[in-house]
C-alpha atoms as a PDB file:
ATOM      1  CA  MET A   1      13.823  -7.624  20.718  1.00  0.00           C
ATOM      2  CA  LYS A   2      12.596  -8.923  17.343  1.00  0.00           C
ATOM      3  CA  ASN A   3       9.241  -7.161  17.791  1.00  0.00           C
ATOM      4  CA  THR A   4      10.969  -3.899  18.661  1.00  0.00           C
ATOM      5  CA  PHE A   5      13.107  -4.156  15.524  1.00  0.00           C
ATOM      6  CA  LYS A   6      10.024  -4.914  13.409  1.00  0.00           C
ATOM      7  CA  VAL A   7       8.158  -1.951  14.874  1.00  0.00           C
ATOM      8  CA  LEU A   8      11.073   0.404  14.302  1.00  0.00           C
ATOM      9  CA  THR A   9      11.507  -0.903  10.758  1.00  0.00           C
ATOM     10  CA  ALA A  10       7.798  -0.404  10.032  1.00  0.00           C
ATOM     11  CA  VAL A  11       7.850   3.150  11.387  1.00  0.00           C
ATOM     12  CA  PHE A  12      11.008   3.996   9.408  1.00  0.00           C
ATOM     13  CA  LEU A  13       9.595   2.602   6.167  1.00  0.00           C
ATOM     14  CA  LEU A  14       6.364   4.493   6.663  1.00  0.00           C
ATOM     15  CA  ALA A  15       8.304   7.686   7.293  1.00  0.00           C
ATOM     16  CA  VAL A  16      10.145   7.163   4.005  1.00  0.00           C
ATOM     17  CA  VAL A  17       6.948   6.401   2.075  1.00  0.00           C
ATOM     18  CA  PHE A  18       5.069   9.310   3.570  1.00  0.00           C
ATOM     19  CA  GLY A  19       8.056  11.625   3.204  1.00  0.00           C
ATOM     20  CA  ALA A  20       7.878  11.214  -0.572  1.00  0.00           C
ATOM     21  CA  CYS A  21       4.451  12.831  -0.543  1.00  0.00           C
ATOM     22  CA  ASN A  22       4.824  15.304   2.304  1.00  0.00           C
ATOM     23  CA  SER A  23       5.552  19.009   2.000  1.00  0.00           C
ATOM     24  CA  SER A  24       6.728  21.203   4.866  1.00  0.00           C
ATOM     25  CA  GLY A  25       3.444  23.136   5.179  1.00  0.00           C
ATOM     26  CA  GLU A  26       1.212  20.113   5.705  1.00  0.00           C
ATOM     27  CA  GLN A  27       1.186  19.757   9.487  1.00  0.00           C
ATOM     28  CA  GLN A  28      -2.307  18.282   9.569  1.00  0.00           C
ATOM     29  CA  LYS A  29      -1.298  15.578   7.121  1.00  0.00           C
ATOM     30  CA  GLN A  30       1.764  14.810   9.248  1.00  0.00           C
ATOM     31  CA  LYS A  31      -0.412  14.318  12.337  1.00  0.00           C
ATOM     32  CA  LYS A  32      -2.538  11.786  10.442  1.00  0.00           C
ATOM     33  CA  GLN A  33       0.587   9.997   9.248  1.00  0.00           C
ATOM     34  CA  ASP A  34       1.963   9.874  12.792  1.00  0.00           C
ATOM     35  CA  LYS A  35      -1.317   8.355  13.950  1.00  0.00           C
ATOM     36  CA  LEU A  36      -1.097   5.710  11.212  1.00  0.00           C
ATOM     37  CA  ALA A  37       2.511   4.931  12.164  1.00  0.00           C
ATOM     38  CA  THR A  38       1.360   4.428  15.776  1.00  0.00           C
ATOM     39  CA  GLU A  39      -1.432   2.099  14.615  1.00  0.00           C
ATOM     40  CA  ILE A  40       1.075   0.084  12.600  1.00  0.00           C
ATOM     41  CA  SER A  41       3.497  -0.192  15.529  1.00  0.00           C
ATOM     42  CA  THR A  42       0.718  -1.357  17.803  1.00  0.00           C
ATOM     43  CA  SER A  43      -0.693  -3.805  15.311  1.00  0.00           C
ATOM     44  CA  THR A  44       2.728  -5.194  14.377  1.00  0.00           C
ATOM     45  CA  ALA A  45       3.244  -6.175  17.988  1.00  0.00           C
ATOM     46  CA  ASN A  46      -0.213  -7.776  18.097  1.00  0.00           C
ATOM     47  CA  LYS A  47      -0.646 -10.854  15.872  1.00  0.00           C
ATOM     48  CA  GLN A  48       1.047  -9.322  12.827  1.00  0.00           C
ATOM     49  CA  THR A  49      -2.088  -7.466  11.794  1.00  0.00           C
ATOM     50  CA  PHE A  50      -1.737  -4.182   9.952  1.00  0.00           C
ATOM     51  CA  SER A  51      -4.935  -2.581  11.142  1.00  0.00           C
ATOM     52  CA  LEU A  52      -8.160  -3.514  12.785  1.00  0.00           C
ATOM     53  CA  ASP A  53      -9.700  -4.114   9.367  1.00  0.00           C
ATOM     54  CA  PHE A  54      -7.115  -6.138   7.435  1.00  0.00           C
ATOM     55  CA  GLN A  55      -4.571  -8.836   8.155  1.00  0.00           C
ATOM     56  CA  ILE A  56      -1.563  -9.859   6.134  1.00  0.00           C
ATOM     57  CA  GLY A  57      -2.832 -11.877   3.186  1.00  0.00           C
ATOM     58  CA  ASP A  58      -6.197 -10.134   2.968  1.00  0.00           C
ATOM     59  CA  LYS A  59      -7.510  -8.728  -0.309  1.00  0.00           C
ATOM     60  CA  LEU A  60      -7.607  -4.938  -0.132  1.00  0.00           C
ATOM     61  CA  PRO A  61     -10.093  -2.512  -1.665  1.00  0.00           C
ATOM     62  CA  ASN A  62      -8.413  -0.442  -4.383  1.00  0.00           C
ATOM     63  CA  ASP A  63      -9.327   2.853  -2.743  1.00  0.00           C
ATOM     64  CA  LEU A  64      -7.270   2.106   0.390  1.00  0.00           C
ATOM     65  CA  VAL A  65      -4.045   1.656  -1.602  1.00  0.00           C
ATOM     66  CA  CYS A  66      -1.672   4.353  -2.818  1.00  0.00           C
ATOM     67  CA  MET A  67      -0.899   2.911  -6.228  1.00  0.00           C
ATOM     68  CA  VAL A  68       2.281   4.972  -6.586  1.00  0.00           C
ATOM     69  CA  ASN A  69       3.827   3.903  -3.280  1.00  0.00           C
ATOM     70  CA  ASP A  70       2.245   0.432  -3.551  1.00  0.00           C
ATOM     71  CA  ALA A  71       1.170   0.735   0.053  1.00  0.00           C
ATOM     72  CA  TYR A  72      -1.956   0.110   2.106  1.00  0.00           C
ATOM     73  CA  MET A  73      -2.902   3.466   3.612  1.00  0.00           C
ATOM     74  CA  ALA A  74      -5.789   2.474   5.962  1.00  0.00           C
ATOM     75  CA  LYS A  75      -8.033   5.278   4.668  1.00  0.00           C
ATOM     76  CA  PRO A  76      -9.626   6.214   1.336  1.00  0.00           C
ATOM     77  CA  GLN A  77      -7.175   7.689  -1.168  1.00  0.00           C
ATOM     78  CA  ILE A  78      -7.587  10.343  -3.864  1.00  0.00           C
ATOM     79  CA  PRO A  79      -9.347   8.874  -6.933  1.00  0.00           C
ATOM     80  CA  VAL A  80      -7.474   9.466 -10.192  1.00  0.00           C
ATOM     81  CA  PRO A  81      -9.522   8.724 -13.328  1.00  0.00           C
ATOM     82  CA  VAL A  82      -7.315   7.800 -16.306  1.00  0.00           C
ATOM     83  CA  ASN A  83      -8.597   6.306 -19.572  1.00  0.00           C
ATOM     84  CA  GLY A  84     -11.892   5.191 -18.036  1.00  0.00           C
ATOM     85  CA  LYS A  85     -10.268   3.500 -15.004  1.00  0.00           C
ATOM     86  CA  THR A  86      -9.857   4.810 -11.469  1.00  0.00           C
ATOM     87  CA  TYR A  87      -6.452   4.633  -9.795  1.00  0.00           C
ATOM     88  CA  TYR A  88      -5.693   5.946  -6.291  1.00  0.00           C
ATOM     89  CA  GLY A  89      -2.938   8.120  -4.864  1.00  0.00           C
ATOM     90  CA  CYS A  90      -2.177   9.518  -1.437  1.00  0.00           C
ATOM     91  CA  CYS A  91      -1.216  13.079  -2.422  1.00  0.00           C
ATOM     92  CA  GLU A  92      -1.130  15.536  -5.301  1.00  0.00           C
ATOM     93  CA  MET A  93       2.314  14.314  -6.358  1.00  0.00           C
ATOM     94  CA  CYS A  94       0.926  10.787  -6.681  1.00  0.00           C
ATOM     95  CA  VAL A  95      -2.098  12.093  -8.600  1.00  0.00           C
ATOM     96  CA  GLY A  96       0.272  13.724 -11.097  1.00  0.00           C
ATOM     97  CA  THR A  97       2.369  10.586 -11.370  1.00  0.00           C
ATOM     98  CA  LEU A  98      -0.669   8.388 -12.049  1.00  0.00           C
ATOM     99  CA  ASN A  99      -1.938  10.834 -14.671  1.00  0.00           C
ATOM    100  CA  ASN A 100       1.392  11.146 -16.452  1.00  0.00           C
ATOM    101  CA  GLU A 101       3.266   7.856 -16.080  1.00  0.00           C
ATOM    102  CA  GLU A 102       1.796   4.641 -17.424  1.00  0.00           C
ATOM    103  CA  SER A 103       4.405   2.648 -15.504  1.00  0.00           C
ATOM    104  CA  ALA A 104       2.861   3.878 -12.215  1.00  0.00           C
ATOM    105  CA  ARG A 105      -0.461   2.350 -13.272  1.00  0.00           C
ATOM    106  CA  MET A 106       1.023  -1.083 -13.979  1.00  0.00           C
ATOM    107  CA  ALA A 107       2.551  -3.749 -11.732  1.00  0.00           C
ATOM    108  CA  THR A 108       4.129  -7.170 -12.105  1.00  0.00           C
ATOM    109  CA  ASP A 109       2.269 -10.209 -10.797  1.00  0.00           C
ATOM    110  CA  PRO A 110       4.750 -11.797  -8.328  1.00  0.00           C
ATOM    111  CA  GLN A 111       3.527 -15.291  -9.218  1.00  0.00           C
ATOM    112  CA  THR A 112       3.699 -15.159 -13.015  1.00  0.00           C
ATOM    113  CA  GLY A 113       5.859 -12.138 -13.786  1.00  0.00           C
ATOM    114  CA  GLU A 114       3.100 -10.853 -16.080  1.00  0.00           C
ATOM    115  CA  SER A 115       2.111  -7.209 -16.268  1.00  0.00           C
ATOM    116  CA  VAL A 116      -1.138  -6.289 -14.513  1.00  0.00           C
ATOM    117  CA  ASP A 117      -3.121  -3.049 -14.511  1.00  0.00           C
ATOM    118  CA  LYS A 118      -3.411  -1.963 -10.864  1.00  0.00           C
ATOM    119  CA  THR A 119      -7.151  -1.221 -11.210  1.00  0.00           C
ATOM    120  CA  GLU A 120      -7.808  -4.786 -12.378  1.00  0.00           C
ATOM    121  CA  ALA A 121      -5.462  -6.527  -9.946  1.00  0.00           C
ATOM    122  CA  PHE A 122      -6.255  -8.731  -6.980  1.00  0.00           C
ATOM    123  CA  ILE A 123      -4.492  -6.523  -4.397  1.00  0.00           C
ATOM    124  CA  VAL A 124      -3.203  -8.201  -1.242  1.00  0.00           C
ATOM    125  CA  LEU A 125      -1.589  -6.895   1.950  1.00  0.00           C
ATOM    126  CA  LEU A 126       1.825  -8.600   1.944  1.00  0.00           C
ATOM    127  CA  ASP A 127       3.387  -7.514   5.221  1.00  0.00           C
ATOM    128  CA  ALA A 128       3.026  -5.483   8.399  1.00  0.00           C
ATOM    129  CA  ASN A 129       4.776  -2.545   6.734  1.00  0.00           C
ATOM    130  CA  GLY A 130       1.779  -2.027   4.450  1.00  0.00           C
ATOM    131  CA  ARG A 131       3.433  -3.338   1.287  1.00  0.00           C
ATOM    132  CA  VAL A 132       0.914  -4.628  -1.248  1.00  0.00           C
ATOM    133  CA  GLY A 133       1.115  -7.119  -4.081  1.00  0.00           C
ATOM    134  CA  TYR A 134      -0.810  -6.940  -7.348  1.00  0.00           C
ATOM    135  CA  PHE A 135      -1.903 -10.291  -8.790  1.00  0.00           C
ATOM    136  CA  ASN A 136      -3.735 -11.037 -12.049  1.00  0.00           C
ATOM    137  CA  SER A 137      -6.163 -13.237 -10.107  1.00  0.00           C
ATOM    138  CA  GLU A 138      -6.958 -14.725  -6.731  1.00  0.00           C
ATOM    139  CA  ALA A 139      -5.740 -18.066  -8.110  1.00  0.00           C
ATOM    140  CA  ASN A 140      -2.322 -16.525  -8.802  1.00  0.00           C
ATOM    141  CA  TYR A 141      -2.181 -15.213  -5.233  1.00  0.00           C
ATOM    142  CA  THR A 142      -3.130 -18.633  -3.848  1.00  0.00           C
ATOM    143  CA  ALA A 143      -0.402 -20.308  -5.932  1.00  0.00           C
ATOM    144  CA  TYR A 144       2.078 -17.663  -4.768  1.00  0.00           C
ATOM    145  CA  THR A 145       1.329 -18.366  -1.088  1.00  0.00           C
ATOM    146  CA  LYS A 146       1.808 -22.105  -1.592  1.00  0.00           C
ATOM    147  CA  LYS A 147       5.337 -21.696  -2.965  1.00  0.00           C
ATOM    148  CA  SER A 148       6.424 -19.066  -0.421  1.00  0.00           C
END
């Protein structure tokens, strides 16, 4: 029962995240998103892994993270060069947001509360829903896991 609830929660949250970037004419994109949602449901039921490549607590490559939705996307995202740094977004709306809103390019380190540029962060998969955390360093992440 708990696993079913977790799977349904993960699918719902993904639908919300993907819905923010989805337009009605993008059927191909929707099929890919449905496939990802299926992968997440399957992997949530199996050892709390998010995908075949990464487990909760793993450091993630920047290009697999939508830095607007703060979510692991399991595939390379759209590179968005801004001020000599490369951010990543999952859709054109996210590209625009990263280009125009400095706040979308910054995060708060959960361990220290300090501001961190998402391109310079130690990015970690936090849960089976694909939520990521941005840390100033691996040491901050390690300290964070010890107090959690």
